Amino acid sequence: MSNAVASMTGYARTMGAAQGCNFQCELKSVNGRGLDLKLRLANGLDAIESDARRVLSRHLSRGSVTLNVTLSREHGGAEIGVNQQALGAVLDALDTLAGRIETDRPRLDGILNLKGVLEARETQLSEEAEKNLHAAILNSVETCAEALVRVRAEEGSELKSIILRSIDEIERLTKLALEHPSRKREVFIERIRKQIKDLTDASAGLSEERLHQEALLLATKADIQEELDRLQAHVVAARKLVGEGGPIGRKLDFLAQEFNREANTLCSKSHAVELTAVGLDLKAVIDQLREQVQNLE
């Protein structure tokens, strides 16, 4: 499996010529939930749409991608023809007016200069020539897709470095919380003891069983070991994903949500200002991580 990480944003362009035609292919890619392909093909190229989609799907797995293909004929690729319907309408009008207005009949060049009588028509390609043109354009689309993949990989390499730094910082802050003095056994026990005393003073007459239940509940609410364990496990999983590479954006986005859930719980359970500050720093880094992950394929 490739360890390359790709961004979903990028731009690429290719140009070519075949069968007396010039063409240009442009690919633009932005973030998307899945692979969303939008094709804007020049007139007469509808026949290659399904093949072009298959080409793009082979190279890309995620992103909102727009393919724009323009086509122009080289000089001499069009011929002038007479629009018989327009000419007939003009001649009928002349016959109608001839009996009502005394005037010389218009010259031929005057009639031909009337709008719509003469029209430029593109020279029709033979079936074989059209097939060759379509093949050349699809080849250009393939080259353009390969170029877009390279551009997205280059940006992905930069994102990878940023994401790994964020994961390192999450690990550092998790270790800081794990080693915080407020989590020492004696400090923890003393805090629970004080909370139980406050509870007993406020609710005289509690049964021993009820008091035991309340003590367990207080201890559970105050203990953040599970959250810290899960944060450490998520760090390992995130590093493994980035190391494997490929289309990992969705999986990393899910992990970022899990990171955030544990950081929120840590903040809500914290009984020390410094530990709460660590939790808030964690949330800030996780937000930055998720922002970058949104750009990954």
Protein backbone atom coordinates (compact mmCIF):
# COMPACT_ATOMS: atom_id res chain seq x y z
CA MET A 1 0.00 0.00 0.00
CA SER A 2 1.29 3.45 -0.89
CA ASN A 3 2.25 5.74 2.00
CA ALA A 4 1.39 8.86 -0.04
CA VAL A 5 -1.27 11.15 1.37
CA ALA A 6 -3.23 13.25 -1.12
CA SER A 7 -5.10 16.52 -0.82
CA MET A 8 -8.50 16.90 -2.46
CA THR A 9 -7.65 20.29 -4.00
CA GLY A 10 -5.69 20.85 -7.20
CA TYR A 11 -5.67 22.04 -10.81
CA ALA A 12 -4.24 20.58 -14.02
CA ARG A 13 -4.46 21.36 -17.74
CA THR A 14 -3.44 19.60 -20.95
CA MET A 15 -3.72 20.61 -24.61
CA GLY A 16 -3.59 18.69 -27.86
CA ALA A 17 -4.54 18.54 -31.51
CA ALA A 18 -5.94 15.83 -33.77
CA GLN A 19 -7.91 15.54 -37.01
CA GLY A 20 -7.72 19.28 -37.70
CA CYS A 21 -8.99 20.20 -34.23
CA ASN A 22 -7.36 21.82 -31.21
CA PHE A 23 -8.58 20.84 -27.74
CA GLN A 24 -7.88 21.68 -24.12
CA CYS A 25 -8.67 19.68 -20.97
CA GLU A 26 -8.90 21.36 -17.55
CA LEU A 27 -9.38 19.61 -14.23
CA LYS A 28 -10.28 21.46 -11.04
CA SER A 29 -10.66 19.63 -7.74
CA VAL A 30 -11.95 20.85 -4.36
CA ASN A 31 -13.07 19.17 -1.15
CA GLY A 32 -16.05 16.83 -1.30
CA ARG A 33 -17.69 14.13 0.81
CA GLY A 34 -17.23 11.53 -1.95
CA LEU A 35 -16.16 11.55 -5.58
CA ASP A 36 -18.40 14.02 -7.41
CA LEU A 37 -17.56 14.33 -11.12
CA LYS A 38 -18.90 17.23 -13.19
CA LEU A 39 -18.13 17.11 -16.93
CA ARG A 40 -18.45 20.09 -19.27
CA LEU A 41 -17.73 18.84 -22.76
CA ALA A 42 -17.65 20.80 -26.01
CA ASN A 43 -20.49 20.24 -28.50
CA GLY A 44 -20.20 16.91 -30.24
CA LEU A 45 -18.26 15.18 -27.46
CA ASP A 46 -21.17 13.60 -25.59
CA ALA A 47 -20.05 10.18 -26.82
CA ILE A 48 -16.90 10.27 -24.67
CA GLU A 49 -18.59 11.24 -21.39
CA SER A 50 -18.86 7.74 -19.91
CA ASP A 51 -15.29 6.88 -20.91
CA ALA A 52 -14.00 10.15 -19.43
CA ARG A 53 -15.79 9.37 -16.15
CA ARG A 54 -14.15 5.95 -16.04
CA VAL A 55 -10.72 7.52 -16.62
CA LEU A 56 -11.20 9.98 -13.75
CA SER A 57 -12.59 7.31 -11.41
CA ARG A 58 -9.48 5.19 -11.93
CA HIS A 59 -7.23 7.98 -10.69
CA LEU A 60 -9.35 9.73 -8.04
CA SER A 61 -11.37 8.40 -5.12
CA ARG A 62 -12.64 11.57 -3.42
CA GLY A 63 -13.27 15.24 -4.12
CA SER A 64 -15.55 17.47 -6.16
CA VAL A 65 -13.89 17.35 -9.59
CA THR A 66 -14.81 19.39 -12.67
CA LEU A 67 -13.56 18.44 -16.14
CA ASN A 68 -13.84 21.11 -18.82
CA VAL A 69 -13.02 20.12 -22.44
CA THR A 70 -13.00 22.82 -25.14
CA LEU A 71 -12.64 22.14 -28.87
CA SER A 72 -11.90 24.38 -31.85
CA ARG A 73 -11.36 23.73 -35.54
CA GLU A 74 -8.17 24.79 -37.21
CA HIS A 75 -8.39 27.34 -40.08
CA GLY A 76 -10.30 25.90 -43.01
CA GLY A 77 -12.28 23.53 -40.82
CA ALA A 78 -15.59 25.17 -41.79
CA GLU A 79 -17.53 25.67 -45.01
CA ILE A 80 -20.06 28.32 -46.09
CA GLY A 81 -23.52 27.13 -47.03
CA VAL A 82 -26.85 28.66 -48.00
CA ASN A 83 -29.68 28.38 -45.51
CA GLN A 84 -32.43 27.34 -47.93
CA GLN A 85 -35.21 28.09 -45.47
CA ALA A 86 -33.96 31.62 -44.83
CA LEU A 87 -33.38 32.22 -48.56
CA GLY A 88 -36.88 31.01 -49.39
CA ALA A 89 -38.40 33.37 -46.85
CA VAL A 90 -36.47 36.31 -48.38
CA LEU A 91 -37.56 35.44 -51.95
CA ASP A 92 -41.19 35.04 -50.87
CA ALA A 93 -41.04 38.44 -49.24
CA LEU A 94 -39.58 39.97 -52.45
CA ASP A 95 -42.39 38.45 -54.53
CA THR A 96 -44.99 39.84 -52.14
CA LEU A 97 -43.50 43.33 -52.23
CA ALA A 98 -42.89 43.34 -56.01
CA GLY A 99 -46.56 44.01 -56.76
CA ARG A 100 -46.84 46.78 -54.20
CA ILE A 101 -43.61 48.72 -54.57
CA GLU A 102 -42.03 49.86 -57.82
CA THR A 103 -38.31 49.26 -57.42
CA ASP A 104 -35.49 47.29 -58.94
CA ARG A 105 -35.04 43.77 -57.65
CA PRO A 106 -32.09 43.47 -55.25
CA ARG A 107 -28.79 42.12 -56.50
CA LEU A 108 -27.67 38.62 -55.51
CA ASP A 109 -24.86 39.91 -53.28
CA GLY A 110 -27.39 42.04 -51.41
CA ILE A 111 -29.59 39.00 -50.75
CA LEU A 112 -26.65 36.90 -49.63
CA ASN A 113 -25.59 39.65 -47.22
CA LEU A 114 -28.88 39.40 -45.39
CA LYS A 115 -28.49 37.89 -41.90
CA GLY A 116 -29.11 34.16 -41.83
CA VAL A 117 -29.00 33.49 -45.57
CA LEU A 118 -25.36 32.40 -45.50
CA GLU A 119 -24.10 30.36 -42.58
CA ALA A 120 -20.81 28.75 -41.59
CA ARG A 121 -21.00 25.02 -41.06
CA GLU A 122 -18.30 22.94 -39.46
CA THR A 123 -16.86 20.34 -41.76
CA GLN A 124 -18.18 16.96 -40.70
CA LEU A 125 -15.50 14.43 -39.79
CA SER A 126 -15.62 10.93 -41.12
CA GLU A 127 -16.51 8.19 -38.64
CA GLU A 128 -12.88 7.08 -38.48
CA ALA A 129 -11.59 10.63 -37.99
CA GLU A 130 -14.13 11.28 -35.24
CA LYS A 131 -13.09 8.05 -33.52
CA ASN A 132 -9.43 9.12 -33.65
CA LEU A 133 -10.30 12.56 -32.29
CA HIS A 134 -12.21 11.07 -29.36
CA ALA A 135 -9.30 8.72 -28.59
CA ALA A 136 -6.86 11.65 -28.59
CA ILE A 137 -9.08 13.67 -26.23
CA LEU A 138 -9.50 10.73 -23.84
CA ASN A 139 -5.73 10.27 -23.83
CA SER A 140 -5.40 13.95 -22.93
CA VAL A 141 -7.96 13.51 -20.12
CA GLU A 142 -5.87 10.61 -18.79
CA THR A 143 -2.70 12.73 -18.87
CA CYS A 144 -4.53 15.58 -17.17
CA ALA A 145 -5.83 13.25 -14.43
CA GLU A 146 -2.29 11.97 -13.82
CA ALA A 147 -1.06 15.56 -13.51
CA LEU A 148 -3.86 16.36 -11.05
CA VAL A 149 -2.91 13.34 -8.95
CA ARG A 150 0.68 14.62 -8.76
CA VAL A 151 -0.48 18.10 -7.73
CA ARG A 152 -2.76 16.68 -5.05
CA ALA A 153 0.06 14.43 -3.80
CA GLU A 154 2.42 17.42 -3.47
CA GLU A 155 -0.12 19.32 -1.39
CA GLY A 156 -0.88 16.12 0.52
CA SER A 157 2.76 15.82 1.49
CA GLU A 158 2.59 19.24 3.13
CA LEU A 159 -0.67 18.33 4.88
CA LYS A 160 0.91 15.12 6.14
CA SER A 161 3.67 17.05 7.90
CA ILE A 162 1.15 19.42 9.51
CA ILE A 163 -1.08 16.55 10.63
CA LEU A 164 1.81 14.60 12.15
CA ARG A 165 2.87 17.70 14.12
CA SER A 166 -0.69 18.00 15.45
CA ILE A 167 -0.68 14.32 16.47
CA ASP A 168 2.67 14.84 18.24
CA GLU A 169 1.20 17.78 20.14
CA ILE A 170 -1.88 15.77 21.15
CA GLU A 171 0.43 13.06 22.46
CA ARG A 172 2.48 15.62 24.40
CA LEU A 173 -0.59 17.18 26.01
CA THR A 174 -2.05 13.75 26.83
CA LYS A 175 1.20 12.81 28.61
CA LEU A 176 1.09 16.16 30.44
CA ALA A 177 -2.41 15.38 31.70
CA LEU A 178 -1.39 11.83 32.60
CA GLU A 179 1.46 13.10 34.78
CA HIS A 180 -0.41 16.05 36.31
CA PRO A 181 0.01 16.27 40.14
CA SER A 182 -3.77 16.34 40.66
CA ARG A 183 -3.87 12.73 39.46
CA LYS A 184 -1.55 11.41 42.19
CA ARG A 185 -3.22 8.72 44.28
CA GLU A 186 -3.02 10.60 47.56
CA VAL A 187 -4.39 13.80 46.01
CA PHE A 188 -7.19 11.89 44.31
CA ILE A 189 -8.18 10.05 47.51
CA GLU A 190 -8.11 13.26 49.52
CA ARG A 191 -10.39 14.98 47.02
CA ILE A 192 -12.89 12.10 47.08
CA ARG A 193 -12.77 12.03 50.89
CA LYS A 194 -13.60 15.74 51.03
CA GLN A 195 -16.45 15.34 48.56
CA ILE A 196 -17.90 12.48 50.61
CA LYS A 197 -17.65 14.56 53.79
CA ASP A 198 -19.42 17.46 52.09
CA LEU A 199 -22.11 15.05 50.88
CA THR A 200 -22.53 13.54 54.36
CA ASP A 201 -22.77 16.96 55.98
CA ALA A 202 -25.33 18.12 53.47
CA SER A 203 -27.42 14.93 53.61
CA ALA A 204 -27.39 13.60 57.15
CA GLY A 205 -28.89 10.17 57.61
CA LEU A 206 -27.64 8.58 54.37
CA SER A 207 -27.49 4.79 54.61
CA GLU A 208 -24.11 3.12 54.33
CA GLU A 209 -25.16 1.51 51.04
CA ARG A 210 -26.26 4.85 49.57
CA LEU A 211 -23.05 6.48 50.79
CA HIS A 212 -21.04 3.72 49.11
CA GLN A 213 -22.91 4.26 45.83
CA GLU A 214 -22.31 8.02 45.96
CA ALA A 215 -18.61 7.47 46.69
CA LEU A 216 -18.28 5.19 43.66
CA LEU A 217 -20.10 7.72 41.49
CA LEU A 218 -17.83 10.54 42.65
CA ALA A 219 -14.73 8.44 42.01
CA THR A 220 -15.94 7.48 38.53
CA LYS A 221 -16.71 11.08 37.60
CA ALA A 222 -13.32 12.27 38.82
CA ASP A 223 -11.18 9.57 37.17
CA ILE A 224 -9.91 10.50 33.67
CA GLN A 225 -7.72 7.45 33.16
CA GLU A 226 -10.06 5.92 30.56
CA GLU A 227 -10.13 9.14 28.56
CA LEU A 228 -6.33 9.37 28.63
CA ASP A 229 -6.00 5.71 27.61
CA ARG A 230 -8.32 6.28 24.65
CA LEU A 231 -6.46 9.44 23.62
CA GLN A 232 -3.20 7.48 23.57
CA ALA A 233 -4.83 4.69 21.55
CA HIS A 234 -6.21 7.22 19.05
CA VAL A 235 -2.71 8.73 18.66
CA VAL A 236 -1.35 5.29 17.74
CA ALA A 237 -4.22 4.68 15.30
CA ALA A 238 -3.81 8.11 13.67
CA ARG A 239 -0.08 7.64 13.15
CA LYS A 240 -0.70 4.21 11.62
CA LEU A 241 -3.26 5.64 9.18
CA VAL A 242 -0.96 8.45 8.08
CA GLY A 243 1.89 5.96 7.68
CA GLU A 244 -0.22 3.68 5.47
CA GLY A 245 -1.40 6.59 3.31
CA GLY A 246 -3.96 6.36 0.54
CA PRO A 247 -7.51 7.76 0.83
CA ILE A 248 -7.55 8.14 4.63
CA GLY A 249 -9.43 11.44 5.00
CA ARG A 250 -12.70 9.97 6.26
CA LYS A 251 -11.02 7.66 8.78
CA LEU A 252 -8.87 10.48 10.15
CA ASP A 253 -11.92 12.74 10.37
CA PHE A 254 -13.65 10.08 12.50
CA LEU A 255 -10.58 9.83 14.74
CA ALA A 256 -10.53 13.63 15.10
CA GLN A 257 -14.12 13.45 16.37
CA GLU A 258 -13.10 10.77 18.86
CA PHE A 259 -10.14 12.91 20.00
CA ASN A 260 -12.54 15.78 20.58
CA ARG A 261 -15.00 13.64 22.56
CA GLU A 262 -12.28 12.52 24.98
CA ALA A 263 -10.94 16.06 25.37
CA ASN A 264 -14.43 17.33 26.21
CA THR A 265 -14.88 14.63 28.85
CA LEU A 266 -11.45 15.40 30.30
CA CYS A 267 -12.41 19.05 30.69
CA SER A 268 -15.75 18.22 32.30
CA LYS A 269 -14.16 15.82 34.83
CA SER A 270 -11.18 18.01 35.69
CA HIS A 271 -10.96 19.39 39.24
CA ALA A 272 -7.74 21.33 38.69
CA VAL A 273 -7.38 24.59 36.78
CA GLU A 274 -4.11 23.45 35.22
CA LEU A 275 -5.63 20.18 34.04
CA THR A 276 -8.59 22.02 32.54
CA ALA A 277 -6.11 24.24 30.70
CA VAL A 278 -4.44 21.14 29.26
CA GLY A 279 -7.85 19.92 28.10
CA LEU A 280 -8.60 23.23 26.41
CA ASP A 281 -5.20 23.16 24.68
CA LEU A 282 -6.05 19.66 23.51
CA LYS A 283 -9.33 20.86 22.03
CA ALA A 284 -7.56 23.69 20.18
CA VAL A 285 -5.01 21.31 18.61
CA ILE A 286 -7.73 18.80 17.74
CA ASP A 287 -9.72 21.55 15.98
CA GLN A 288 -6.62 22.40 13.92
CA LEU A 289 -6.13 18.71 13.14
CA ARG A 290 -9.70 18.29 11.96
CA GLU A 291 -9.47 21.42 9.80
CA GLN A 292 -6.47 19.95 7.97
CA VAL A 293 -7.99 16.47 7.74
CA GLN A 294 -11.00 17.94 5.90
CA ASN A 295 -8.65 18.58 2.96
CA LEU A 296 -7.43 14.98 2.68
CA GLU A 297 -8.63 12.54 0.04
